[in-house]
Amino acid sequence: MTIEPATIERANAIALLKTLNIQLKEIGASHAVMEVVVGAGHANYFGGAHGGLIATLADSVSFFPGPLLPSGRACTTTSLTVTYVRPALLGDTLTARSELVHLGRRLASVTCRITNQQGKLVAHSSATLMVLAEPGGSDS
């Protein structure tokens, strides 16, 4: 399987991310940053951000540290654990920062912290990604 290396522009063209107004802001050597402003379309029954938005943000940002999709490495989520710390409110700007903790031949471990515009922790996550193919298309 060969994939084009991910860029900020390609990531921000992903239909689901566009629908949810999630934007990739930064790709680093071992991290990535995404943002979303919580809008009415993200609301849960109580009027705050739906947990699914936060989980999608955590899952999505986990793919974009430099050695993963930006290098052309194909991968998929095998597990995602999200811990919600405080509610996110309408109008809040949520910033998700992922960190690549480990990259092996078959698995990658990624952590994520999601904060609001005041820098307060909203949620944190841990993801395991299965490496499907190395950059250039060689299967692992």
C-alpha atoms as a PDB file:
ATOM      1  CA  MET A   1       0.000   0.000   0.000  1.00  0.00           C
ATOM      2  CA  THR A   2       1.458   3.332  -1.047  1.00  0.00           C
ATOM      3  CA  ILE A   3       0.087   6.577   0.352  1.00  0.00           C
ATOM      4  CA  GLU A   4       1.014  10.154  -0.322  1.00  0.00           C
ATOM      5  CA  PRO A   5       2.778  11.733   2.647  1.00  0.00           C
ATOM      6  CA  ALA A   6       0.303  13.835   4.632  1.00  0.00           C
ATOM      7  CA  THR A   7       0.586  17.608   4.644  1.00  0.00           C
ATOM      8  CA  ILE A   8      -1.384  20.222   6.522  1.00  0.00           C
ATOM      9  CA  GLU A   9      -3.299  21.017   3.328  1.00  0.00           C
ATOM     10  CA  ARG A  10      -4.171  17.355   2.634  1.00  0.00           C
ATOM     11  CA  ALA A  11      -5.227  16.774   6.233  1.00  0.00           C
ATOM     12  CA  ASN A  12      -7.445  19.841   6.258  1.00  0.00           C
ATOM     13  CA  ALA A  13      -9.167  18.557   3.106  1.00  0.00           C
ATOM     14  CA  ILE A  14     -10.356  15.345   4.849  1.00  0.00           C
ATOM     15  CA  ALA A  15     -14.153  15.390   4.625  1.00  0.00           C
ATOM     16  CA  LEU A  16     -14.845  14.466   8.265  1.00  0.00           C
ATOM     17  CA  LEU A  17     -12.403  17.057   9.589  1.00  0.00           C
ATOM     18  CA  LYS A  18     -13.947  19.704   7.326  1.00  0.00           C
ATOM     19  CA  THR A  19     -17.449  18.726   8.481  1.00  0.00           C
ATOM     20  CA  LEU A  20     -16.415  19.067  12.133  1.00  0.00           C
ATOM     21  CA  ASN A  21     -14.294  22.198  11.484  1.00  0.00           C
ATOM     22  CA  ILE A  22     -11.200  20.492  12.927  1.00  0.00           C
ATOM     23  CA  GLN A  23      -7.966  21.918  11.520  1.00  0.00           C
ATOM     24  CA  LEU A  24      -4.452  20.534  11.574  1.00  0.00           C
ATOM     25  CA  LYS A  25      -2.209  23.408  12.625  1.00  0.00           C
ATOM     26  CA  GLU A  26       1.229  21.836  13.040  1.00  0.00           C
ATOM     27  CA  ILE A  27       3.220  18.748  12.098  1.00  0.00           C
ATOM     28  CA  GLY A  28       6.373  18.253  14.159  1.00  0.00           C
ATOM     29  CA  ALA A  29       9.155  15.691  14.330  1.00  0.00           C
ATOM     30  CA  SER A  30       7.307  13.767  17.055  1.00  0.00           C
ATOM     31  CA  HIS A  31       4.103  15.747  17.602  1.00  0.00           C
ATOM     32  CA  ALA A  32       1.098  17.292  15.876  1.00  0.00           C
ATOM     33  CA  VAL A  33      -1.433  19.980  16.802  1.00  0.00           C
ATOM     34  CA  MET A  34      -5.102  20.282  15.806  1.00  0.00           C
ATOM     35  CA  GLU A  35      -7.741  22.839  16.798  1.00  0.00           C
ATOM     36  CA  VAL A  36     -11.500  23.140  16.787  1.00  0.00           C
ATOM     37  CA  VAL A  37     -13.858  25.842  18.025  1.00  0.00           C
ATOM     38  CA  VAL A  38     -16.836  24.187  19.716  1.00  0.00           C
ATOM     39  CA  GLY A  39     -19.944  25.229  17.811  1.00  0.00           C
ATOM     40  CA  ALA A  40     -23.661  24.474  17.997  1.00  0.00           C
ATOM     41  CA  GLY A  41     -23.192  21.515  15.653  1.00  0.00           C
ATOM     42  CA  HIS A  42     -20.861  19.893  18.203  1.00  0.00           C
ATOM     43  CA  ALA A  43     -23.276  20.171  21.134  1.00  0.00           C
ATOM     44  CA  ASN A  44     -24.459  17.317  23.305  1.00  0.00           C
ATOM     45  CA  TYR A  45     -27.816  17.150  25.102  1.00  0.00           C
ATOM     46  CA  PHE A  46     -26.541  19.501  27.816  1.00  0.00           C
ATOM     47  CA  GLY A  47     -25.231  22.121  25.379  1.00  0.00           C
ATOM     48  CA  GLY A  48     -21.505  21.443  25.769  1.00  0.00           C
ATOM     49  CA  ALA A  49     -19.137  19.662  23.388  1.00  0.00           C
ATOM     50  CA  HIS A  50     -20.153  16.091  22.594  1.00  0.00           C
ATOM     51  CA  GLY A  51     -17.615  13.538  23.791  1.00  0.00           C
ATOM     52  CA  GLY A  52     -17.496  12.153  20.263  1.00  0.00           C
ATOM     53  CA  LEU A  53     -16.005  15.427  19.031  1.00  0.00           C
ATOM     54  CA  ILE A  54     -13.268  15.204  21.635  1.00  0.00           C
ATOM     55  CA  ALA A  55     -12.604  11.529  20.848  1.00  0.00           C
ATOM     56  CA  THR A  56     -12.462  12.293  17.114  1.00  0.00           C
ATOM     57  CA  LEU A  57     -10.043  15.147  17.785  1.00  0.00           C
ATOM     58  CA  ALA A  58      -7.804  12.865  19.884  1.00  0.00           C
ATOM     59  CA  ASP A  59      -7.908  10.039  17.337  1.00  0.00           C
ATOM     60  CA  SER A  60      -7.276  12.309  14.354  1.00  0.00           C
ATOM     61  CA  VAL A  61      -4.314  14.229  15.784  1.00  0.00           C
ATOM     62  CA  SER A  62      -2.651  10.925  16.719  1.00  0.00           C
ATOM     63  CA  PHE A  63      -1.914  10.176  13.048  1.00  0.00           C
ATOM     64  CA  PHE A  64       0.005  13.356  12.266  1.00  0.00           C
ATOM     65  CA  PRO A  65       3.341  13.327  14.103  1.00  0.00           C
ATOM     66  CA  GLY A  66       6.027  13.460  11.389  1.00  0.00           C
ATOM     67  CA  PRO A  67       7.046   9.769  11.340  1.00  0.00           C
ATOM     68  CA  LEU A  68       3.464   8.578  10.739  1.00  0.00           C
ATOM     69  CA  LEU A  69       1.170   9.844   7.927  1.00  0.00           C
ATOM     70  CA  PRO A  70       3.423  12.812   7.076  1.00  0.00           C
ATOM     71  CA  SER A  71       6.206  10.342   6.222  1.00  0.00           C
ATOM     72  CA  GLY A  72       3.877   8.242   4.069  1.00  0.00           C
ATOM     73  CA  ARG A  73       3.540   5.476   6.672  1.00  0.00           C
ATOM     74  CA  ALA A  74       0.092   3.862   6.491  1.00  0.00           C
ATOM     75  CA  CYS A  75      -1.472   3.066   9.866  1.00  0.00           C
ATOM     76  CA  THR A  76      -4.814   2.522  11.580  1.00  0.00           C
ATOM     77  CA  THR A  77      -6.105   2.829  15.134  1.00  0.00           C
ATOM     78  CA  THR A  78      -6.217  -0.391  17.141  1.00  0.00           C
ATOM     79  CA  SER A  79      -7.128   1.189  20.473  1.00  0.00           C
ATOM     80  CA  LEU A  80      -8.050   4.601  21.799  1.00  0.00           C
ATOM     81  CA  THR A  81      -8.627   5.497  25.441  1.00  0.00           C
ATOM     82  CA  VAL A  82      -9.977   8.953  26.200  1.00  0.00           C
ATOM     83  CA  THR A  83     -10.234  10.390  29.700  1.00  0.00           C
ATOM     84  CA  TYR A  84     -12.521  13.414  29.991  1.00  0.00           C
ATOM     85  CA  VAL A  85     -11.411  15.840  32.708  1.00  0.00           C
ATOM     86  CA  ARG A  86     -13.773  18.827  32.341  1.00  0.00           C
ATOM     87  CA  PRO A  87     -16.541  19.858  29.977  1.00  0.00           C
ATOM     88  CA  ALA A  88     -15.830  21.897  26.889  1.00  0.00           C
ATOM     89  CA  LEU A  89     -18.353  24.674  26.331  1.00  0.00           C
ATOM     90  CA  LEU A  90     -19.796  26.287  23.225  1.00  0.00           C
ATOM     91  CA  GLY A  91     -17.300  28.822  21.935  1.00  0.00           C
ATOM     92  CA  ASP A  92     -14.294  27.102  23.514  1.00  0.00           C
ATOM     93  CA  THR A  93     -11.232  26.638  21.327  1.00  0.00           C
ATOM     94  CA  LEU A  94      -9.877  23.153  21.886  1.00  0.00           C
ATOM     95  CA  THR A  95      -6.237  22.461  21.083  1.00  0.00           C
ATOM     96  CA  ALA A  96      -5.092  18.858  20.792  1.00  0.00           C
ATOM     97  CA  ARG A  97      -1.384  18.066  20.903  1.00  0.00           C
ATOM     98  CA  SER A  98      -0.280  14.528  20.196  1.00  0.00           C
ATOM     99  CA  GLU A  99       3.129  13.080  21.052  1.00  0.00           C
ATOM    100  CA  LEU A 100       4.598   9.973  19.448  1.00  0.00           C
ATOM    101  CA  VAL A 101       5.842   7.928  22.402  1.00  0.00           C
ATOM    102  CA  HIS A 102       7.013   4.810  20.546  1.00  0.00           C
ATOM    103  CA  LEU A 103       7.281   3.706  16.924  1.00  0.00           C
ATOM    104  CA  GLY A 104       8.022   0.062  16.279  1.00  0.00           C
ATOM    105  CA  ARG A 105       7.817  -2.070  13.153  1.00  0.00           C
ATOM    106  CA  ARG A 106       4.163  -2.925  13.745  1.00  0.00           C
ATOM    107  CA  LEU A 107       2.807  -0.584  16.440  1.00  0.00           C
ATOM    108  CA  ALA A 108       2.973   3.076  17.339  1.00  0.00           C
ATOM    109  CA  SER A 109       1.997   4.545  20.727  1.00  0.00           C
ATOM    110  CA  VAL A 110       0.693   8.107  20.846  1.00  0.00           C
ATOM    111  CA  THR A 111      -0.509  10.287  23.715  1.00  0.00           C
ATOM    112  CA  CYS A 112      -2.628  13.413  23.416  1.00  0.00           C
ATOM    113  CA  ARG A 113      -3.594  16.338  25.631  1.00  0.00           C
ATOM    114  CA  ILE A 114      -6.619  18.474  24.766  1.00  0.00           C
ATOM    115  CA  THR A 115      -6.807  21.892  26.388  1.00  0.00           C
ATOM    116  CA  ASN A 116      -9.176  24.846  26.156  1.00  0.00           C
ATOM    117  CA  GLN A 117      -8.238  28.434  25.324  1.00  0.00           C
ATOM    118  CA  GLN A 118      -7.280  29.023  28.967  1.00  0.00           C
ATOM    119  CA  GLY A 119      -4.820  26.123  28.871  1.00  0.00           C
ATOM    120  CA  LYS A 120      -6.987  23.983  31.134  1.00  0.00           C
ATOM    121  CA  LEU A 121      -6.952  20.255  30.482  1.00  0.00           C
ATOM    122  CA  VAL A 122     -10.242  19.065  28.949  1.00  0.00           C
ATOM    123  CA  ALA A 123      -9.207  15.490  28.077  1.00  0.00           C
ATOM    124  CA  HIS A 124      -6.210  13.269  27.512  1.00  0.00           C
ATOM    125  CA  SER A 125      -5.833  10.105  25.495  1.00  0.00           C
ATOM    126  CA  SER A 126      -3.640   7.192  24.636  1.00  0.00           C
ATOM    127  CA  ALA A 127      -3.774   5.554  21.220  1.00  0.00           C
ATOM    128  CA  THR A 128      -2.157   2.513  19.694  1.00  0.00           C
ATOM    129  CA  LEU A 129      -1.809   2.533  15.917  1.00  0.00           C
ATOM    130  CA  MET A 130      -1.018  -0.502  13.784  1.00  0.00           C
ATOM    131  CA  VAL A 131       1.590   0.194  11.129  1.00  0.00           C
ATOM    132  CA  LEU A 132       0.200  -1.205   7.863  1.00  0.00           C
ATOM    133  CA  ALA A 133       3.014  -0.173   5.562  1.00  0.00           C
ATOM    134  CA  GLU A 134       6.312   1.649   5.778  1.00  0.00           C
ATOM    135  CA  PRO A 135       6.937   4.815   3.775  1.00  0.00           C
ATOM    136  CA  GLY A 136       7.197   3.975   0.101  1.00  0.00           C
ATOM    137  CA  GLY A 137       4.709   1.134   0.354  1.00  0.00           C
ATOM    138  CA  SER A 138       6.645  -1.806   1.817  1.00  0.00           C
ATOM    139  CA  ASP A 139       4.347  -3.821   4.094  1.00  0.00           C
ATOM    140  CA  SER A 140       5.473  -4.368   7.651  1.00  0.00           C
END
